[in-house]
C-alpha atoms as a PDB file:
ATOM      1  CA  MET A   1       0.056   0.025  -0.191  1.00  0.00           C
ATOM      2  CA  ARG A   2       1.337   3.376  -0.967  1.00  0.00           C
ATOM      3  CA  TRP A   3       1.188   5.921   1.648  1.00  0.00           C
ATOM      4  CA  LEU A   4       2.005   9.774   1.791  1.00  0.00           C
ATOM      5  CA  ALA A   5       3.151  11.715   4.813  1.00  0.00           C
ATOM      6  CA  LEU A   6       2.982  15.163   6.000  1.00  0.00           C
ATOM      7  CA  ASP A   7       4.721  17.231   8.497  1.00  0.00           C
ATOM      8  CA  VAL A   8       2.939  20.452   8.634  1.00  0.00           C
ATOM      9  CA  GLY A   9       4.756  23.551   9.700  1.00  0.00           C
ATOM     10  CA  SER A  10       3.742  27.200   9.746  1.00  0.00           C
ATOM     11  CA  ARG A  11       5.365  28.112   6.520  1.00  0.00           C
ATOM     12  CA  ARG A  12       5.895  24.681   4.567  1.00  0.00           C
ATOM     13  CA  VAL A  13       4.407  21.310   4.801  1.00  0.00           C
ATOM     14  CA  GLY A  14       7.027  18.436   4.086  1.00  0.00           C
ATOM     15  CA  VAL A  15       5.850  15.585   1.969  1.00  0.00           C
ATOM     16  CA  ALA A  16       7.173  11.832   1.676  1.00  0.00           C
ATOM     17  CA  VAL A  17       5.956   8.843  -0.123  1.00  0.00           C
ATOM     18  CA  CYS A  18       6.777   5.121   0.107  1.00  0.00           C
ATOM     19  CA  ASP A  19       6.902   2.299  -2.423  1.00  0.00           C
ATOM     20  CA  VAL A  20       3.885  -0.055  -2.549  1.00  0.00           C
ATOM     21  CA  GLN A  21       5.501  -2.751  -0.531  1.00  0.00           C
ATOM     22  CA  GLU A  22       6.057  -0.175   2.331  1.00  0.00           C
ATOM     23  CA  GLN A  23       9.818  -0.664   2.520  1.00  0.00           C
ATOM     24  CA  VAL A  24      11.306   2.645   1.343  1.00  0.00           C
ATOM     25  CA  ALA A  25      10.258   6.149   2.093  1.00  0.00           C
ATOM     26  CA  THR A  26      11.380   8.996   0.124  1.00  0.00           C
ATOM     27  CA  ALA A  27      11.255  12.844   0.896  1.00  0.00           C
ATOM     28  CA  LEU A  28       9.222  14.947  -2.039  1.00  0.00           C
ATOM     29  CA  ASP A  29       9.475  18.701  -2.515  1.00  0.00           C
ATOM     30  CA  ALA A  30       7.647  20.544   0.483  1.00  0.00           C
ATOM     31  CA  LEU A  31       4.531  22.514  -0.406  1.00  0.00           C
ATOM     32  CA  ALA A  32       3.903  26.126   0.731  1.00  0.00           C
ATOM     33  CA  PHE A  33       1.410  26.270   3.919  1.00  0.00           C
ATOM     34  CA  THR A  34      -1.297  28.449   2.646  1.00  0.00           C
ATOM     35  CA  GLY A  35      -4.114  27.197   4.408  1.00  0.00           C
ATOM     36  CA  PRO A  36      -5.533  24.173   5.288  1.00  0.00           C
ATOM     37  CA  GLU A  37      -7.902  23.919   2.693  1.00  0.00           C
ATOM     38  CA  ARG A  38      -5.404  24.787  -0.047  1.00  0.00           C
ATOM     39  CA  VAL A  39      -3.113  22.058   1.276  1.00  0.00           C
ATOM     40  CA  ALA A  40      -5.843  19.696   1.209  1.00  0.00           C
ATOM     41  CA  GLU A  41      -6.262  20.434  -2.525  1.00  0.00           C
ATOM     42  CA  GLU A  42      -2.565  20.126  -3.102  1.00  0.00           C
ATOM     43  CA  VAL A  43      -2.526  16.803  -1.171  1.00  0.00           C
ATOM     44  CA  ALA A  44      -5.497  15.295  -3.120  1.00  0.00           C
ATOM     45  CA  SER A  45      -3.476  16.086  -6.237  1.00  0.00           C
ATOM     46  CA  LEU A  46      -0.327  14.275  -4.855  1.00  0.00           C
ATOM     47  CA  VAL A  47      -2.725  11.488  -3.948  1.00  0.00           C
ATOM     48  CA  ARG A  48      -3.931  11.110  -7.506  1.00  0.00           C
ATOM     49  CA  THR A  49      -0.241  11.381  -9.080  1.00  0.00           C
ATOM     50  CA  TRP A  50       1.405   9.156  -6.586  1.00  0.00           C
ATOM     51  CA  GLU A  51      -1.739   6.562  -6.352  1.00  0.00           C
ATOM     52  CA  ALA A  52      -1.472   6.581  -2.889  1.00  0.00           C
ATOM     53  CA  GLU A  53      -3.941   4.790  -0.854  1.00  0.00           C
ATOM     54  CA  GLY A  54      -3.567   6.721   2.483  1.00  0.00           C
ATOM     55  CA  VAL A  55      -2.188   9.752   4.047  1.00  0.00           C
ATOM     56  CA  VAL A  56      -0.142   9.828   7.525  1.00  0.00           C
ATOM     57  CA  VAL A  57      -0.122  13.252   9.163  1.00  0.00           C
ATOM     58  CA  GLY A  58       2.176  14.012  11.837  1.00  0.00           C
ATOM     59  CA  VAL A  59       0.815  15.716  15.018  1.00  0.00           C
ATOM     60  CA  PRO A  60       2.938  17.601  17.599  1.00  0.00           C
ATOM     61  CA  ARG A  61       1.940  16.404  21.076  1.00  0.00           C
ATOM     62  CA  THR A  62       1.621  19.266  23.856  1.00  0.00           C
ATOM     63  CA  ARG A  63       0.445  18.619  27.319  1.00  0.00           C
ATOM     64  CA  SER A  64      -2.736  20.458  26.847  1.00  0.00           C
ATOM     65  CA  GLY A  65      -3.225  19.211  23.287  1.00  0.00           C
ATOM     66  CA  GLN A  66      -3.905  23.077  22.417  1.00  0.00           C
ATOM     67  CA  GLY A  67      -0.772  24.379  21.100  1.00  0.00           C
ATOM     68  CA  PRO A  68      -0.801  26.437  18.093  1.00  0.00           C
ATOM     69  CA  GLY A  69       1.091  23.916  15.714  1.00  0.00           C
ATOM     70  CA  GLU A  70      -1.265  21.007  17.121  1.00  0.00           C
ATOM     71  CA  ARG A  71      -4.296  23.179  16.347  1.00  0.00           C
ATOM     72  CA  ARG A  72      -2.923  24.113  12.838  1.00  0.00           C
ATOM     73  CA  VAL A  73      -2.242  20.503  12.099  1.00  0.00           C
ATOM     74  CA  ARG A  74      -5.535  19.375  13.333  1.00  0.00           C
ATOM     75  CA  SER A  75      -7.065  21.797  11.099  1.00  0.00           C
ATOM     76  CA  VAL A  76      -5.283  20.440   8.325  1.00  0.00           C
ATOM     77  CA  VAL A  77      -6.372  16.844   9.275  1.00  0.00           C
ATOM     78  CA  ALA A  78      -9.859  17.726   9.036  1.00  0.00           C
ATOM     79  CA  ALA A  79      -9.648  19.300   5.563  1.00  0.00           C
ATOM     80  CA  LEU A  80      -7.833  16.197   4.279  1.00  0.00           C
ATOM     81  CA  ARG A  81     -10.467  13.985   5.642  1.00  0.00           C
ATOM     82  CA  THR A  82     -13.097  16.135   3.930  1.00  0.00           C
ATOM     83  CA  HIS A  83     -11.318  16.493   0.580  1.00  0.00           C
ATOM     84  CA  LEU A  84      -9.747  12.787   0.168  1.00  0.00           C
ATOM     85  CA  MET A  85     -11.438   9.422  -0.503  1.00  0.00           C
ATOM     86  CA  VAL A  86      -8.534   7.480   1.330  1.00  0.00           C
ATOM     87  CA  PRO A  87      -7.805   6.889   5.059  1.00  0.00           C
ATOM     88  CA  VAL A  88      -6.143   9.946   6.834  1.00  0.00           C
ATOM     89  CA  GLU A  89      -4.320   8.915   9.690  1.00  0.00           C
ATOM     90  CA  VAL A  90      -2.142  10.687  12.639  1.00  0.00           C
ATOM     91  CA  GLU A  91       1.178   9.817  14.085  1.00  0.00           C
ATOM     92  CA  ASP A  92       2.991  11.380  16.596  1.00  0.00           C
ATOM     93  CA  GLU A  93       5.850  13.748  15.125  1.00  0.00           C
ATOM     94  CA  SER A  94       7.759  14.321  18.469  1.00  0.00           C
ATOM     95  CA  GLY A  95      11.353  14.525  17.516  1.00  0.00           C
ATOM     96  CA  THR A  96      11.242  14.292  13.867  1.00  0.00           C
ATOM     97  CA  THR A  97      12.334  17.879  12.988  1.00  0.00           C
ATOM     98  CA  ALA A  98      15.433  17.423  15.414  1.00  0.00           C
ATOM     99  CA  ALA A  99      16.227  14.065  13.976  1.00  0.00           C
ATOM    100  CA  ALA A 100      15.819  15.445  10.242  1.00  0.00           C
ATOM    101  CA  GLU A 101      18.357  18.402  11.262  1.00  0.00           C
ATOM    102  CA  GLY A 102      20.776  15.449  12.828  1.00  0.00           C
ATOM    103  CA  LEU A 103      20.750  13.609   9.588  1.00  0.00           C
ATOM    104  CA  LEU A 104      21.352  16.800   7.591  1.00  0.00           C
ATOM    105  CA  ALA A 105      24.501  17.648   9.739  1.00  0.00           C
ATOM    106  CA  GLU A 106      25.808  13.940   9.646  1.00  0.00           C
ATOM    107  CA  ALA A 107      25.418  14.232   5.637  1.00  0.00           C
ATOM    108  CA  GLY A 108      27.310  17.541   5.714  1.00  0.00           C
ATOM    109  CA  VAL A 109      24.428  19.385   4.053  1.00  0.00           C
ATOM    110  CA  PRO A 110      25.200  23.411   4.639  1.00  0.00           C
ATOM    111  CA  GLN A 111      22.815  24.765   6.893  1.00  0.00           C
ATOM    112  CA  ARG A 112      21.458  27.381   4.599  1.00  0.00           C
ATOM    113  CA  ARG A 113      19.780  24.686   2.834  1.00  0.00           C
ATOM    114  CA  TRP A 114      18.221  23.031   5.863  1.00  0.00           C
ATOM    115  CA  ARG A 115      15.130  25.122   5.552  1.00  0.00           C
ATOM    116  CA  GLU A 116      14.416  23.891   2.170  1.00  0.00           C
ATOM    117  CA  LEU A 117      14.955  20.237   3.007  1.00  0.00           C
ATOM    118  CA  VAL A 118      14.034  19.465   6.880  1.00  0.00           C
ATOM    119  CA  ASP A 119      10.142  19.446   6.642  1.00  0.00           C
ATOM    120  CA  SER A 120      10.373  16.775   3.748  1.00  0.00           C
ATOM    121  CA  LEU A 121      12.928  14.898   5.562  1.00  0.00           C
ATOM    122  CA  ALA A 122      10.987  14.831   8.783  1.00  0.00           C
ATOM    123  CA  ALA A 123       7.733  13.659   6.975  1.00  0.00           C
ATOM    124  CA  ARG A 124      10.052  10.773   5.656  1.00  0.00           C
ATOM    125  CA  ILE A 125      10.734   9.904   9.352  1.00  0.00           C
ATOM    126  CA  ILE A 126       7.068  10.038  10.253  1.00  0.00           C
ATOM    127  CA  LEU A 127       6.191   7.708   7.567  1.00  0.00           C
ATOM    128  CA  GLU A 128       9.248   5.321   8.504  1.00  0.00           C
ATOM    129  CA  GLY A 129       7.699   5.290  11.987  1.00  0.00           C
ATOM    130  CA  PHE A 130       4.426   4.598  10.932  1.00  0.00           C
ATOM    131  CA  LEU A 131       5.566   1.929   8.330  1.00  0.00           C
ATOM    132  CA  ALA A 132       7.483   0.337  11.073  1.00  0.00           C
ATOM    133  CA  MET A 133       4.440   0.021  13.340  1.00  0.00           C
ATOM    134  CA  ARG A 134       2.448  -1.192  10.650  1.00  0.00           C
ATOM    135  CA  GLY A 135       5.250  -3.998  10.068  1.00  0.00           C
ATOM    136  CA  ARG A 136       4.644  -5.025  13.755  1.00  0.00           C
ATOM    137  CA  GLY A 137       1.018  -5.326  13.297  1.00  0.00           C
ATOM    138  CA  ASP A 138      -0.451  -2.911  15.617  1.00  0.00           C
ATOM    139  CA  GLY A 139      -1.868  -0.840  12.948  1.00  0.00           C
ATOM    140  CA  GLY A 140       0.531   2.214  13.092  1.00  0.00           C
ATOM    141  CA  VAL A 141      -1.693   4.599  14.587  1.00  0.00           C
ATOM    142  CA  SER A 142      -0.880   6.630  17.489  1.00  0.00           C
ATOM    143  CA  ARG A 143      -3.684   9.178  18.161  1.00  0.00           C
END
């Protein structure tokens, strides 16, 4: 099953996709964050292009559940569920941006390029975690 993953930020939405065997996740070009409805329309186009059968969205976890990042992501999830005819799952994104930055540093990518790469790399990390949990048989969904 091919999945898309999203890392929703205040300016960009990182995007990643996996192969149909759910073995390899690849970062794609990030989208500009232009509001939940517009993001949902762009993701719908990506779902068609990649023939994705599901979308995973990284959700930041705050103690209150009411942080601005979490509210923004939840509004995108709601818009996706309205616009898409495929399952939309959520996955804890805790630490994915820091992990993505660590990978970029290890690879020797100049910091001036991180901004354009980090969101989709974080989406890839979200997707890899989701797929790993699916492979263990627990559905991969952490709500």
